[in-house]
Amino acid sequence: MKIKEKEFETLLQDLKSIATQMGAKVRFERGDFKGGYCLIKDSKIIVINKLSNMQRKVMILAAALNELGIDDMYLTPRLREVIEELDERK
């Protein structure tokens, strides 16, 4: 599957929406880290390095959602395919 460069912004917004539905907060921070999913005082937080390129941000968010468990959620077939492929790339 080929993901077009223009599609990454839309994917990022869709993935952020899914994270919110799952009760996770997505934060874009600056620092010397890649990013990922963590729990802080019972709060689900996905931290992404805001200096990363768009493709990397989408990959980190996709991996974090897989870690949270999206198997029982309805996702469009295209979105599910993208999440699974991006998580395999990391």
N, C-alpha and C. Protein backbone atom coordinates (compact mmCIF):
# COMPACT_ATOMS: atom_id res chain seq x y z
N MET A 1 0.85 -1.18 0.00
CA MET A 1 0.00 0.00 0.00
C MET A 1 0.89 1.23 0.00
N LYS A 2 0.52 2.18 -0.79
CA LYS A 2 1.27 3.44 -0.89
C LYS A 2 0.43 4.55 -0.28
N ILE A 3 1.04 5.27 0.65
CA ILE A 3 0.36 6.41 1.27
C ILE A 3 0.91 7.67 0.64
N LYS A 4 0.01 8.49 0.12
CA LYS A 4 0.43 9.72 -0.53
C LYS A 4 0.80 10.76 0.52
N GLU A 5 1.76 11.60 0.18
CA GLU A 5 2.25 12.61 1.12
C GLU A 5 1.12 13.52 1.61
N LYS A 6 0.21 13.87 0.72
CA LYS A 6 -0.91 14.75 1.08
C LYS A 6 -1.85 14.10 2.09
N GLU A 7 -1.87 12.78 2.12
CA GLU A 7 -2.80 12.03 2.97
C GLU A 7 -2.39 12.03 4.45
N PHE A 8 -1.12 12.31 4.75
CA PHE A 8 -0.65 12.21 6.12
C PHE A 8 -1.33 13.20 7.07
N GLU A 9 -1.60 14.41 6.61
CA GLU A 9 -2.27 15.40 7.47
C GLU A 9 -3.66 14.92 7.86
N THR A 10 -4.41 14.41 6.89
CA THR A 10 -5.74 13.87 7.16
C THR A 10 -5.66 12.67 8.09
N LEU A 11 -4.70 11.79 7.86
CA LEU A 11 -4.51 10.62 8.72
C LEU A 11 -4.22 11.04 10.15
N LEU A 12 -3.37 12.05 10.32
CA LEU A 12 -3.03 12.52 11.66
C LEU A 12 -4.28 13.01 12.38
N GLN A 13 -5.12 13.76 11.69
CA GLN A 13 -6.35 14.25 12.30
C GLN A 13 -7.30 13.11 12.65
N ASP A 14 -7.43 12.14 11.76
CA ASP A 14 -8.30 10.98 12.01
C ASP A 14 -7.80 10.17 13.20
N LEU A 15 -6.49 9.96 13.27
CA LEU A 15 -5.92 9.20 14.37
C LEU A 15 -6.05 9.93 15.70
N LYS A 16 -5.89 11.25 15.67
CA LYS A 16 -6.09 12.05 16.89
C LYS A 16 -7.53 11.92 17.37
N SER A 17 -8.48 11.93 16.45
CA SER A 17 -9.88 11.77 16.80
C SER A 17 -10.15 10.42 17.45
N ILE A 18 -9.55 9.37 16.91
CA ILE A 18 -9.71 8.03 17.47
C ILE A 18 -9.12 7.98 18.88
N ALA A 19 -7.95 8.58 19.05
CA ALA A 19 -7.31 8.61 20.37
C ALA A 19 -8.22 9.30 21.39
N THR A 20 -8.83 10.39 20.99
CA THR A 20 -9.75 11.11 21.88
C THR A 20 -10.95 10.24 22.24
N GLN A 21 -11.50 9.52 21.26
CA GLN A 21 -12.62 8.61 21.52
C GLN A 21 -12.23 7.53 22.52
N MET A 22 -10.97 7.15 22.52
CA MET A 22 -10.48 6.10 23.42
C MET A 22 -10.08 6.65 24.79
N GLY A 23 -10.25 7.95 24.97
CA GLY A 23 -9.93 8.56 26.25
C GLY A 23 -8.47 8.93 26.42
N ALA A 24 -7.73 9.00 25.32
CA ALA A 24 -6.32 9.36 25.38
C ALA A 24 -6.13 10.80 24.91
N LYS A 25 -5.22 11.48 25.54
CA LYS A 25 -4.89 12.84 25.14
C LYS A 25 -3.63 12.80 24.28
N VAL A 26 -3.64 13.49 23.16
CA VAL A 26 -2.48 13.54 22.27
C VAL A 26 -1.80 14.89 22.48
N ARG A 27 -0.50 14.81 22.81
CA ARG A 27 0.27 16.03 23.05
C ARG A 27 1.47 16.07 22.10
N PHE A 28 1.72 17.24 21.55
CA PHE A 28 2.87 17.47 20.70
C PHE A 28 3.85 18.33 21.49
N GLU A 29 4.99 17.75 21.83
CA GLU A 29 5.98 18.43 22.66
C GLU A 29 7.32 18.45 21.96
N ARG A 30 8.16 19.35 22.40
CA ARG A 30 9.51 19.48 21.86
C ARG A 30 10.47 18.78 22.81
N GLY A 31 11.43 18.06 22.26
CA GLY A 31 12.43 17.41 23.11
C GLY A 31 13.25 16.39 22.36
N ASP A 32 14.08 15.69 23.12
CA ASP A 32 14.97 14.68 22.54
C ASP A 32 14.35 13.30 22.76
N PHE A 33 13.26 13.01 22.07
CA PHE A 33 12.55 11.74 22.19
C PHE A 33 11.78 11.49 20.91
N LYS A 34 11.37 10.24 20.70
CA LYS A 34 10.57 9.89 19.53
C LYS A 34 9.10 10.08 19.81
N GLY A 35 8.64 9.53 20.94
CA GLY A 35 7.24 9.65 21.32
C GLY A 35 6.61 8.29 21.51
N GLY A 36 5.39 8.29 22.01
CA GLY A 36 4.67 7.06 22.23
C GLY A 36 3.59 7.22 23.28
N TYR A 37 3.08 6.08 23.74
CA TYR A 37 1.96 6.02 24.68
C TYR A 37 2.48 5.84 26.09
N CYS A 38 1.86 6.54 27.05
CA CYS A 38 2.22 6.34 28.45
C CYS A 38 1.02 6.64 29.33
N LEU A 39 1.10 6.21 30.58
CA LEU A 39 0.09 6.51 31.59
C LEU A 39 0.70 7.45 32.61
N ILE A 40 0.01 8.53 32.91
CA ILE A 40 0.45 9.45 33.95
C ILE A 40 -0.74 9.69 34.87
N LYS A 41 -0.62 9.19 36.09
CA LYS A 41 -1.69 9.32 37.08
C LYS A 41 -3.04 8.90 36.50
N ASP A 42 -3.09 7.71 35.95
CA ASP A 42 -4.30 7.13 35.36
C ASP A 42 -4.82 7.85 34.12
N SER A 43 -4.03 8.76 33.56
CA SER A 43 -4.42 9.44 32.33
C SER A 43 -3.65 8.83 31.17
N LYS A 44 -4.38 8.49 30.10
CA LYS A 44 -3.74 7.96 28.89
C LYS A 44 -3.22 9.14 28.08
N ILE A 45 -1.93 9.13 27.82
CA ILE A 45 -1.32 10.23 27.08
C ILE A 45 -0.44 9.67 25.97
N ILE A 46 -0.58 10.25 24.79
CA ILE A 46 0.28 9.93 23.67
C ILE A 46 1.09 11.19 23.38
N VAL A 47 2.40 11.08 23.54
CA VAL A 47 3.28 12.22 23.34
C VAL A 47 4.03 12.03 22.03
N ILE A 48 4.02 13.06 21.22
CA ILE A 48 4.68 13.01 19.92
C ILE A 48 5.61 14.22 19.82
N ASN A 49 6.81 13.98 19.33
CA ASN A 49 7.76 15.06 19.16
C ASN A 49 7.28 15.97 18.03
N LYS A 50 7.03 17.22 18.37
CA LYS A 50 6.48 18.14 17.37
C LYS A 50 7.48 18.50 16.28
N LEU A 51 8.76 18.20 16.50
CA LEU A 51 9.77 18.47 15.48
C LEU A 51 9.89 17.35 14.45
N SER A 52 9.21 16.23 14.69
CA SER A 52 9.23 15.11 13.74
C SER A 52 8.47 15.48 12.47
N ASN A 53 8.80 14.81 11.37
CA ASN A 53 8.06 15.07 10.14
C ASN A 53 6.66 14.44 10.25
N MET A 54 5.80 14.80 9.33
CA MET A 54 4.40 14.37 9.38
C MET A 54 4.27 12.84 9.34
N GLN A 55 5.06 12.18 8.51
CA GLN A 55 4.98 10.73 8.40
C GLN A 55 5.36 10.08 9.74
N ARG A 56 6.39 10.57 10.38
CA ARG A 56 6.82 10.02 11.67
C ARG A 56 5.75 10.23 12.74
N LYS A 57 5.11 11.39 12.74
CA LYS A 57 4.04 11.66 13.71
C LYS A 57 2.90 10.66 13.54
N VAL A 58 2.53 10.41 12.29
CA VAL A 58 1.44 9.46 12.01
C VAL A 58 1.87 8.05 12.44
N MET A 59 3.12 7.68 12.19
CA MET A 59 3.59 6.35 12.57
C MET A 59 3.56 6.16 14.09
N ILE A 60 4.00 7.16 14.83
CA ILE A 60 4.01 7.07 16.29
C ILE A 60 2.59 6.97 16.82
N LEU A 61 1.70 7.77 16.28
CA LEU A 61 0.30 7.75 16.73
C LEU A 61 -0.36 6.42 16.39
N ALA A 62 -0.09 5.88 15.21
CA ALA A 62 -0.65 4.58 14.82
C ALA A 62 -0.16 3.49 15.76
N ALA A 63 1.13 3.49 16.09
CA ALA A 63 1.69 2.49 17.00
C ALA A 63 1.08 2.62 18.39
N ALA A 64 0.90 3.84 18.85
CA ALA A 64 0.31 4.06 20.17
C ALA A 64 -1.14 3.56 20.22
N LEU A 65 -1.89 3.80 19.16
CA LEU A 65 -3.27 3.33 19.12
C LEU A 65 -3.32 1.81 19.11
N ASN A 66 -2.40 1.18 18.39
CA ASN A 66 -2.33 -0.29 18.41
C ASN A 66 -2.05 -0.78 19.83
N GLU A 67 -1.19 -0.08 20.54
CA GLU A 67 -0.86 -0.45 21.91
C GLU A 67 -2.06 -0.27 22.84
N LEU A 68 -2.85 0.75 22.59
CA LEU A 68 -4.06 0.98 23.38
C LEU A 68 -5.12 -0.08 23.10
N GLY A 69 -5.10 -0.64 21.90
CA GLY A 69 -6.05 -1.68 21.52
C GLY A 69 -7.22 -1.15 20.73
N ILE A 70 -7.10 -1.21 19.42
CA ILE A 70 -8.16 -0.71 18.53
C ILE A 70 -8.95 -1.83 17.88
N ASP A 71 -8.68 -3.06 18.31
CA ASP A 71 -9.33 -4.20 17.68
C ASP A 71 -10.85 -4.16 17.75
N ASP A 72 -11.39 -3.66 18.85
CA ASP A 72 -12.84 -3.65 19.03
C ASP A 72 -13.51 -2.38 18.51
N MET A 73 -12.72 -1.44 18.00
CA MET A 73 -13.29 -0.19 17.50
C MET A 73 -13.60 -0.31 16.01
N TYR A 74 -14.65 0.41 15.59
CA TYR A 74 -14.91 0.46 14.15
C TYR A 74 -13.99 1.50 13.54
N LEU A 75 -13.26 1.07 12.55
CA LEU A 75 -12.43 1.97 11.74
C LEU A 75 -12.72 1.66 10.28
N THR A 76 -12.62 2.67 9.45
CA THR A 76 -12.80 2.40 8.02
C THR A 76 -11.71 1.41 7.60
N PRO A 77 -12.00 0.59 6.61
CA PRO A 77 -10.99 -0.37 6.16
C PRO A 77 -9.67 0.30 5.78
N ARG A 78 -9.73 1.43 5.13
CA ARG A 78 -8.52 2.16 4.72
C ARG A 78 -7.71 2.59 5.95
N LEU A 79 -8.38 3.13 6.97
CA LEU A 79 -7.69 3.59 8.16
C LEU A 79 -7.06 2.43 8.93
N ARG A 80 -7.78 1.34 9.02
CA ARG A 80 -7.25 0.15 9.70
C ARG A 80 -6.01 -0.38 8.96
N GLU A 81 -6.08 -0.39 7.62
CA GLU A 81 -4.96 -0.86 6.80
C GLU A 81 -3.73 0.04 7.01
N VAL A 82 -3.96 1.34 7.05
CA VAL A 82 -2.87 2.29 7.25
C VAL A 82 -2.24 2.10 8.63
N ILE A 83 -3.06 1.96 9.66
CA ILE A 83 -2.54 1.79 11.02
C ILE A 83 -1.70 0.53 11.11
N GLU A 84 -2.20 -0.56 10.56
CA GLU A 84 -1.46 -1.82 10.62
C GLU A 84 -0.14 -1.74 9.85
N GLU A 85 -0.17 -1.11 8.68
CA GLU A 85 1.07 -1.02 7.90
C GLU A 85 2.07 -0.10 8.56
N LEU A 86 1.64 1.04 9.07
CA LEU A 86 2.56 1.96 9.70
C LEU A 86 3.16 1.38 10.98
N ASP A 87 2.37 0.62 11.71
CA ASP A 87 2.89 0.01 12.93
C ASP A 87 3.95 -1.05 12.61
N GLU A 88 3.82 -1.72 11.48
CA GLU A 88 4.80 -2.72 11.07
C GLU A 88 6.12 -2.09 10.65
N ARG A 89 6.08 -0.86 10.17
CA ARG A 89 7.29 -0.18 9.67
C ARG A 89 8.23 0.26 10.78
N LYS A 90 7.71 0.55 11.95
CA LYS A 90 8.56 1.17 12.97
C LYS A 90 9.65 0.33 13.51
